[in-house]
Amino acid sequence: MKKVLIAIIVLLLAVYFFMFTNMGIGLIELIDDWSKGDPPVPTVNEIVMPPNSTVVATTSAGTISIKSGKGLKRYYTWEGATRSVVMSPRIKRWNGSMGISYPGLGSHWLPKHNGISRAVLEEGQQHFKTLDDAMAWIEKCKQWGPLVYRNDGLLIAYGKALSREQLNVGVWQIMINGQKPVRLNGANDDAIHTSWDKSVKGDLGDVVYLLINSPLLLSFSYATLCPLRYP
């Protein structure tokens, strides 16, 4: 009888741990991520990052690097640590987004790094009819945490809520009437860099892009390498 009672107590404690504690819920999320691998992004979802690409942004909270896998997997690097998740595709539009997200249930990033054990993550497109509507949305986002954005509408939000051991990251592409904007007030193009940025297109452009990014040719100027205009 004593052994049965002990077994019941252990079982109840295990249920409590995995269902009602941050670490227990986080472990379930971690195992779930491992089991998923890197599933493809459904065609209905509006994402920002191409497969196997990287975006690096600096906000007032610091610098964040985000790398995409082949599908829904994303890697986040901050302050010397890298953690990953498998994002969930939205099945219906939420707050304008039909992108992908991760709710950050429990302490799913272990071990903890600089006070962070979980993350709430978003990636998607935001569609507006007018420039004023887009700017109003940006101003609203500023209330929730640090962010930076470029003139082409790429916006990265990166901040921390240390009281919840939480990283908050959003990768957004602003669209106006189905097109990327060309100028947004308050934009800082130098604050965001992506691996898919190229200033020249086509086969010749690809060659020039590779040449100018080669460490062996850093001593040459763009003008010396190719008489093309770089912004």
C-alpha atoms as a PDB file:
ATOM      1  CA  MET A   1       0.000   0.000   0.000  1.00  0.00           C
ATOM      2  CA  LYS A   2       2.842   2.371   0.862  1.00  0.00           C
ATOM      3  CA  LYS A   3       4.499   1.775  -2.530  1.00  0.00           C
ATOM      4  CA  VAL A   4       1.228   2.454  -4.342  1.00  0.00           C
ATOM      5  CA  LEU A   5       0.786   5.704  -2.429  1.00  0.00           C
ATOM      6  CA  ILE A   6       4.337   6.796  -3.258  1.00  0.00           C
ATOM      7  CA  ALA A   7       3.783   5.944  -6.923  1.00  0.00           C
ATOM      8  CA  ILE A   8       0.576   8.020  -6.996  1.00  0.00           C
ATOM      9  CA  ILE A   9       2.335  10.977  -5.360  1.00  0.00           C
ATOM     10  CA  VAL A  10       5.222  10.770  -7.839  1.00  0.00           C
ATOM     11  CA  LEU A  11       2.767  10.599 -10.739  1.00  0.00           C
ATOM     12  CA  LEU A  12       0.829  13.627  -9.475  1.00  0.00           C
ATOM     13  CA  LEU A  13       4.051  15.589  -8.994  1.00  0.00           C
ATOM     14  CA  ALA A  14       5.146  14.686 -12.532  1.00  0.00           C
ATOM     15  CA  VAL A  15       1.788  15.788 -13.956  1.00  0.00           C
ATOM     16  CA  TYR A  16       2.010  19.041 -11.998  1.00  0.00           C
ATOM     17  CA  PHE A  17       5.591  19.639 -13.148  1.00  0.00           C
ATOM     18  CA  PHE A  18       4.897  19.097 -16.854  1.00  0.00           C
ATOM     19  CA  MET A  19       1.505  20.802 -16.956  1.00  0.00           C
ATOM     20  CA  PHE A  20       1.803  23.719 -14.547  1.00  0.00           C
ATOM     21  CA  THR A  21       5.451  24.813 -14.237  1.00  0.00           C
ATOM     22  CA  ASN A  22       7.397  26.928 -16.710  1.00  0.00           C
ATOM     23  CA  MET A  23      10.249  24.431 -16.880  1.00  0.00           C
ATOM     24  CA  GLY A  24       7.954  21.452 -17.359  1.00  0.00           C
ATOM     25  CA  ILE A  25       5.929  23.125 -20.093  1.00  0.00           C
ATOM     26  CA  GLY A  26       9.162  24.335 -21.668  1.00  0.00           C
ATOM     27  CA  LEU A  27      10.598  20.809 -21.744  1.00  0.00           C
ATOM     28  CA  ILE A  28       7.492  19.581 -23.555  1.00  0.00           C
ATOM     29  CA  GLU A  29       7.894  22.420 -26.074  1.00  0.00           C
ATOM     30  CA  LEU A  30      11.593  21.616 -26.485  1.00  0.00           C
ATOM     31  CA  ILE A  31      10.896  17.941 -27.179  1.00  0.00           C
ATOM     32  CA  ASP A  32       8.118  18.906 -29.581  1.00  0.00           C
ATOM     33  CA  ASP A  33      10.511  21.175 -31.497  1.00  0.00           C
ATOM     34  CA  TRP A  34      13.117  18.415 -31.746  1.00  0.00           C
ATOM     35  CA  SER A  35      10.527  15.981 -33.094  1.00  0.00           C
ATOM     36  CA  LYS A  36       9.261  18.363 -35.794  1.00  0.00           C
ATOM     37  CA  GLY A  37      12.565  18.932 -37.560  1.00  0.00           C
ATOM     38  CA  ASP A  38      12.128  21.706 -40.142  1.00  0.00           C
ATOM     39  CA  PRO A  39       8.706  21.318 -41.798  1.00  0.00           C
ATOM     40  CA  PRO A  40       7.872  23.347 -44.933  1.00  0.00           C
ATOM     41  CA  VAL A  41       6.060  26.685 -44.761  1.00  0.00           C
ATOM     42  CA  PRO A  42       2.487  26.344 -46.070  1.00  0.00           C
ATOM     43  CA  THR A  43       1.927  28.287 -49.275  1.00  0.00           C
ATOM     44  CA  VAL A  44      -0.891  30.335 -47.720  1.00  0.00           C
ATOM     45  CA  ASN A  45       1.382  31.867 -45.102  1.00  0.00           C
ATOM     46  CA  GLU A  46       3.061  35.230 -45.720  1.00  0.00           C
ATOM     47  CA  ILE A  47       6.638  35.101 -44.470  1.00  0.00           C
ATOM     48  CA  VAL A  48       9.553  37.513 -44.786  1.00  0.00           C
ATOM     49  CA  MET A  49      12.771  35.500 -44.801  1.00  0.00           C
ATOM     50  CA  PRO A  50      13.799  33.317 -47.751  1.00  0.00           C
ATOM     51  CA  PRO A  51      15.042  29.802 -46.915  1.00  0.00           C
ATOM     52  CA  ASN A  52      18.544  29.641 -45.389  1.00  0.00           C
ATOM     53  CA  SER A  53      18.849  33.407 -45.056  1.00  0.00           C
ATOM     54  CA  THR A  54      19.965  35.749 -42.283  1.00  0.00           C
ATOM     55  CA  VAL A  55      18.924  39.151 -41.006  1.00  0.00           C
ATOM     56  CA  VAL A  56      20.889  41.147 -38.430  1.00  0.00           C
ATOM     57  CA  ALA A  57      19.362  44.167 -36.696  1.00  0.00           C
ATOM     58  CA  THR A  58      20.398  46.523 -33.932  1.00  0.00           C
ATOM     59  CA  THR A  59      17.795  48.155 -31.693  1.00  0.00           C
ATOM     60  CA  SER A  60      18.225  49.975 -28.396  1.00  0.00           C
ATOM     61  CA  ALA A  61      18.140  46.539 -26.732  1.00  0.00           C
ATOM     62  CA  GLY A  62      21.200  45.340 -28.656  1.00  0.00           C
ATOM     63  CA  THR A  63      21.930  43.284 -31.767  1.00  0.00           C
ATOM     64  CA  ILE A  64      19.918  40.248 -32.839  1.00  0.00           C
ATOM     65  CA  SER A  65      20.711  37.823 -35.649  1.00  0.00           C
ATOM     66  CA  ILE A  66      17.914  35.692 -37.096  1.00  0.00           C
ATOM     67  CA  LYS A  67      18.563  32.796 -39.457  1.00  0.00           C
ATOM     68  CA  SER A  68      15.926  30.817 -41.317  1.00  0.00           C
ATOM     69  CA  GLY A  69      16.087  27.119 -42.035  1.00  0.00           C
ATOM     70  CA  LYS A  70      14.624  25.497 -45.122  1.00  0.00           C
ATOM     71  CA  GLY A  71      11.120  25.735 -43.687  1.00  0.00           C
ATOM     72  CA  LEU A  72       9.615  26.833 -40.384  1.00  0.00           C
ATOM     73  CA  LYS A  73      12.773  26.607 -38.282  1.00  0.00           C
ATOM     74  CA  ARG A  74      14.364  29.838 -37.053  1.00  0.00           C
ATOM     75  CA  TYR A  75      17.615  30.453 -35.160  1.00  0.00           C
ATOM     76  CA  TYR A  76      18.052  33.482 -32.888  1.00  0.00           C
ATOM     77  CA  THR A  77      21.483  34.703 -31.814  1.00  0.00           C
ATOM     78  CA  TRP A  78      21.952  37.400 -29.175  1.00  0.00           C
ATOM     79  CA  GLU A  79      24.753  38.225 -26.727  1.00  0.00           C
ATOM     80  CA  GLY A  80      26.828  35.222 -27.754  1.00  0.00           C
ATOM     81  CA  ALA A  81      24.118  32.542 -27.592  1.00  0.00           C
ATOM     82  CA  THR A  82      22.023  30.847 -30.281  1.00  0.00           C
ATOM     83  CA  ARG A  83      18.662  29.177 -29.685  1.00  0.00           C
ATOM     84  CA  SER A  84      16.165  27.763 -32.169  1.00  0.00           C
ATOM     85  CA  VAL A  85      12.448  27.068 -32.503  1.00  0.00           C
ATOM     86  CA  VAL A  86      10.066  25.625 -35.058  1.00  0.00           C
ATOM     87  CA  MET A  87       7.541  28.353 -35.814  1.00  0.00           C
ATOM     88  CA  SER A  88       3.816  27.652 -36.133  1.00  0.00           C
ATOM     89  CA  PRO A  89       1.979  28.782 -39.285  1.00  0.00           C
ATOM     90  CA  ARG A  90      -1.103  30.863 -38.608  1.00  0.00           C
ATOM     91  CA  ILE A  91      -4.315  29.244 -39.820  1.00  0.00           C
ATOM     92  CA  LYS A  92      -6.143  32.582 -39.994  1.00  0.00           C
ATOM     93  CA  ARG A  93      -5.131  36.232 -40.080  1.00  0.00           C
ATOM     94  CA  TRP A  94      -4.382  37.652 -36.627  1.00  0.00           C
ATOM     95  CA  ASN A  95      -3.741  41.363 -36.047  1.00  0.00           C
ATOM     96  CA  GLY A  96      -3.148  41.706 -39.774  1.00  0.00           C
ATOM     97  CA  SER A  97      -0.663  38.831 -39.972  1.00  0.00           C
ATOM     98  CA  MET A  98      -1.009  35.585 -41.881  1.00  0.00           C
ATOM     99  CA  GLY A  99       2.590  34.715 -41.075  1.00  0.00           C
ATOM    100  CA  ILE A 100       4.242  32.397 -38.570  1.00  0.00           C
ATOM    101  CA  SER A 101       4.668  32.684 -34.818  1.00  0.00           C
ATOM    102  CA  TYR A 102       5.877  31.063 -31.622  1.00  0.00           C
ATOM    103  CA  PRO A 103       3.994  31.725 -28.348  1.00  0.00           C
ATOM    104  CA  GLY A 104       6.881  30.913 -25.994  1.00  0.00           C
ATOM    105  CA  LEU A 105       5.115  28.535 -23.660  1.00  0.00           C
ATOM    106  CA  GLY A 106       7.219  27.750 -20.604  1.00  0.00           C
ATOM    107  CA  SER A 107      11.000  27.827 -20.294  1.00  0.00           C
ATOM    108  CA  HIS A 108      11.704  26.137 -23.630  1.00  0.00           C
ATOM    109  CA  TRP A 109      15.268  27.468 -24.032  1.00  0.00           C
ATOM    110  CA  LEU A 110      17.648  25.712 -21.683  1.00  0.00           C
ATOM    111  CA  PRO A 111      20.079  26.470 -20.280  1.00  0.00           C
ATOM    112  CA  LYS A 112      19.040  30.019 -19.507  1.00  0.00           C
ATOM    113  CA  HIS A 113      21.231  32.707 -21.124  1.00  0.00           C
ATOM    114  CA  ASN A 114      21.612  36.168 -19.568  1.00  0.00           C
ATOM    115  CA  GLY A 115      18.252  35.788 -17.871  1.00  0.00           C
ATOM    116  CA  ILE A 116      16.420  34.513 -20.997  1.00  0.00           C
ATOM    117  CA  SER A 117      14.727  31.095 -21.067  1.00  0.00           C
ATOM    118  CA  ARG A 118      11.850  31.675 -23.480  1.00  0.00           C
ATOM    119  CA  ALA A 119      10.784  33.764 -26.460  1.00  0.00           C
ATOM    120  CA  VAL A 120       7.670  35.180 -28.078  1.00  0.00           C
ATOM    121  CA  LEU A 121       8.341  35.356 -31.810  1.00  0.00           C
ATOM    122  CA  GLU A 122       6.574  36.671 -34.897  1.00  0.00           C
ATOM    123  CA  GLU A 123       7.294  36.828 -38.612  1.00  0.00           C
ATOM    124  CA  GLY A 124       4.955  38.016 -41.324  1.00  0.00           C
ATOM    125  CA  GLN A 125       3.727  40.730 -43.643  1.00  0.00           C
ATOM    126  CA  GLN A 126       1.583  43.721 -42.739  1.00  0.00           C
ATOM    127  CA  HIS A 127      -0.570  45.086 -45.559  1.00  0.00           C
ATOM    128  CA  PHE A 128      -1.844  48.673 -45.657  1.00  0.00           C
ATOM    129  CA  LYS A 129      -3.753  50.826 -48.103  1.00  0.00           C
ATOM    130  CA  THR A 130      -1.920  54.066 -47.368  1.00  0.00           C
ATOM    131  CA  LEU A 131       1.440  55.267 -46.094  1.00  0.00           C
ATOM    132  CA  ASP A 132      -0.307  56.967 -43.170  1.00  0.00           C
ATOM    133  CA  ASP A 133      -1.832  53.640 -42.109  1.00  0.00           C
ATOM    134  CA  ALA A 134       1.607  52.022 -42.192  1.00  0.00           C
ATOM    135  CA  MET A 135       3.187  54.786 -40.123  1.00  0.00           C
ATOM    136  CA  ALA A 136       0.347  54.582 -37.579  1.00  0.00           C
ATOM    137  CA  TRP A 137       1.020  50.848 -37.193  1.00  0.00           C
ATOM    138  CA  ILE A 138       4.739  51.490 -36.656  1.00  0.00           C
ATOM    139  CA  GLU A 139       3.971  54.056 -33.956  1.00  0.00           C
ATOM    140  CA  LYS A 140       1.687  51.549 -32.252  1.00  0.00           C
ATOM    141  CA  CYS A 141       4.423  48.890 -32.341  1.00  0.00           C
ATOM    142  CA  LYS A 142       6.849  51.271 -30.633  1.00  0.00           C
ATOM    143  CA  GLN A 143       4.679  51.078 -27.519  1.00  0.00           C
ATOM    144  CA  TRP A 144       5.511  47.382 -27.153  1.00  0.00           C
ATOM    145  CA  GLY A 145       9.287  47.553 -27.375  1.00  0.00           C
ATOM    146  CA  PRO A 146      12.414  48.602 -29.298  1.00  0.00           C
ATOM    147  CA  LEU A 147      12.364  48.346 -33.083  1.00  0.00           C
ATOM    148  CA  VAL A 148      14.111  49.544 -36.219  1.00  0.00           C
ATOM    149  CA  TYR A 149      12.910  49.696 -39.818  1.00  0.00           C
ATOM    150  CA  ARG A 150      14.175  50.467 -43.295  1.00  0.00           C
ATOM    151  CA  ASN A 151      12.767  52.568 -46.109  1.00  0.00           C
ATOM    152  CA  ASP A 152      11.770  49.375 -47.953  1.00  0.00           C
ATOM    153  CA  GLY A 153       9.463  48.429 -45.081  1.00  0.00           C
ATOM    154  CA  LEU A 154      11.534  45.712 -43.406  1.00  0.00           C
ATOM    155  CA  LEU A 155      10.987  46.097 -39.658  1.00  0.00           C
ATOM    156  CA  ILE A 156      12.702  44.203 -36.840  1.00  0.00           C
ATOM    157  CA  ALA A 157      11.438  44.397 -33.275  1.00  0.00           C
ATOM    158  CA  TYR A 158      13.847  43.119 -30.629  1.00  0.00           C
ATOM    159  CA  GLY A 159      13.529  43.537 -26.900  1.00  0.00           C
ATOM    160  CA  LYS A 160      13.533  41.675 -23.592  1.00  0.00           C
ATOM    161  CA  ALA A 161      11.147  41.209 -20.682  1.00  0.00           C
ATOM    162  CA  LEU A 162      13.566  39.988 -18.037  1.00  0.00           C
ATOM    163  CA  SER A 163      10.861  39.673 -15.381  1.00  0.00           C
ATOM    164  CA  ARG A 164       9.405  36.903 -17.573  1.00  0.00           C
ATOM    165  CA  GLU A 165      12.825  35.661 -18.793  1.00  0.00           C
ATOM    166  CA  GLN A 166      11.501  36.459 -22.245  1.00  0.00           C
ATOM    167  CA  LEU A 167      12.944  37.521 -25.596  1.00  0.00           C
ATOM    168  CA  ASN A 168      10.563  39.373 -27.925  1.00  0.00           C
ATOM    169  CA  VAL A 169      11.389  39.339 -31.627  1.00  0.00           C
ATOM    170  CA  GLY A 170       9.308  40.318 -34.634  1.00  0.00           C
ATOM    171  CA  VAL A 171      10.326  40.210 -38.296  1.00  0.00           C
ATOM    172  CA  TRP A 172       7.890  42.196 -40.424  1.00  0.00           C
ATOM    173  CA  GLN A 173       7.609  43.329 -44.014  1.00  0.00           C
ATOM    174  CA  ILE A 174       5.372  46.356 -44.515  1.00  0.00           C
ATOM    175  CA  MET A 175       3.424  46.393 -47.788  1.00  0.00           C
ATOM    176  CA  ILE A 176       1.413  49.325 -49.171  1.00  0.00           C
ATOM    177  CA  ASN A 177      -1.107  48.401 -51.859  1.00  0.00           C
ATOM    178  CA  GLY A 178       0.794  45.178 -52.423  1.00  0.00           C
ATOM    179  CA  GLN A 179       4.179  46.872 -52.899  1.00  0.00           C
ATOM    180  CA  LYS A 180       7.158  47.539 -50.664  1.00  0.00           C
ATOM    181  CA  PRO A 181       7.477  51.220 -49.739  1.00  0.00           C
ATOM    182  CA  VAL A 182      10.411  53.286 -50.991  1.00  0.00           C
ATOM    183  CA  ARG A 183      10.572  55.821 -48.163  1.00  0.00           C
ATOM    184  CA  LEU A 184       9.362  55.780 -44.553  1.00  0.00           C
ATOM    185  CA  ASN A 185       9.844  58.622 -42.105  1.00  0.00           C
ATOM    186  CA  GLY A 186      12.222  57.652 -39.318  1.00  0.00           C
ATOM    187  CA  ALA A 187      13.740  54.743 -41.235  1.00  0.00           C
ATOM    188  CA  ASN A 188      17.328  53.672 -40.584  1.00  0.00           C
ATOM    189  CA  ASP A 189      18.652  51.544 -43.437  1.00  0.00           C
ATOM    190  CA  ASP A 190      21.967  50.990 -41.639  1.00  0.00           C
ATOM    191  CA  ALA A 191      20.305  49.284 -38.664  1.00  0.00           C
ATOM    192  CA  ILE A 192      19.194  46.181 -40.588  1.00  0.00           C
ATOM    193  CA  HIS A 193      21.286  43.981 -42.879  1.00  0.00           C
ATOM    194  CA  THR A 194      20.075  40.892 -44.696  1.00  0.00           C
ATOM    195  CA  SER A 195      21.808  38.158 -46.638  1.00  0.00           C
ATOM    196  CA  TRP A 196      19.368  38.618 -49.519  1.00  0.00           C
ATOM    197  CA  ASP A 197      20.275  42.279 -50.083  1.00  0.00           C
ATOM    198  CA  LYS A 198      21.900  42.822 -53.469  1.00  0.00           C
ATOM    199  CA  SER A 199      22.328  46.144 -55.193  1.00  0.00           C
ATOM    200  CA  VAL A 200      22.803  44.620 -58.626  1.00  0.00           C
ATOM    201  CA  LYS A 201      20.764  41.886 -60.274  1.00  0.00           C
ATOM    202  CA  GLY A 202      21.281  39.145 -62.807  1.00  0.00           C
ATOM    203  CA  ASP A 203      24.266  36.910 -63.509  1.00  0.00           C
ATOM    204  CA  LEU A 204      26.748  39.784 -63.794  1.00  0.00           C
ATOM    205  CA  GLY A 205      25.348  41.290 -60.626  1.00  0.00           C
ATOM    206  CA  ASP A 206      25.804  38.018 -58.763  1.00  0.00           C
ATOM    207  CA  VAL A 207      29.448  37.862 -59.843  1.00  0.00           C
ATOM    208  CA  VAL A 208      30.083  41.448 -58.775  1.00  0.00           C
ATOM    209  CA  TYR A 209      28.313  40.841 -55.464  1.00  0.00           C
ATOM    210  CA  LEU A 210      30.552  37.881 -54.700  1.00  0.00           C
ATOM    211  CA  LEU A 211      33.656  39.803 -55.732  1.00  0.00           C
ATOM    212  CA  ILE A 212      33.007  42.853 -53.604  1.00  0.00           C
ATOM    213  CA  ASN A 213      32.273  40.688 -50.561  1.00  0.00           C
ATOM    214  CA  SER A 214      35.460  38.664 -50.909  1.00  0.00           C
ATOM    215  CA  PRO A 215      37.993  39.358 -48.107  1.00  0.00           C
ATOM    216  CA  LEU A 216      40.761  39.212 -50.715  1.00  0.00           C
ATOM    217  CA  LEU A 217      39.367  42.272 -52.444  1.00  0.00           C
ATOM    218  CA  LEU A 218      38.440  44.485 -49.525  1.00  0.00           C
ATOM    219  CA  SER A 219      41.239  46.896 -50.402  1.00  0.00           C
ATOM    220  CA  PHE A 220      39.534  47.781 -53.696  1.00  0.00           C
ATOM    221  CA  SER A 221      36.636  50.166 -54.013  1.00  0.00           C
ATOM    222  CA  TYR A 222      33.338  49.350 -55.724  1.00  0.00           C
ATOM    223  CA  ALA A 223      34.220  51.797 -58.453  1.00  0.00           C
ATOM    224  CA  THR A 224      37.476  49.967 -59.148  1.00  0.00           C
ATOM    225  CA  LEU A 225      35.797  46.580 -59.364  1.00  0.00           C
ATOM    226  CA  CYS A 226      32.881  47.563 -61.556  1.00  0.00           C
ATOM    227  CA  PRO A 227      31.675  50.869 -62.989  1.00  0.00           C
ATOM    228  CA  LEU A 228      28.178  50.361 -61.585  1.00  0.00           C
ATOM    229  CA  ARG A 229      26.389  52.661 -59.203  1.00  0.00           C
ATOM    230  CA  TYR A 230      25.851  51.329 -55.682  1.00  0.00           C
ATOM    231  CA  PRO A 231      23.479  53.182 -53.362  1.00  0.00           C
END
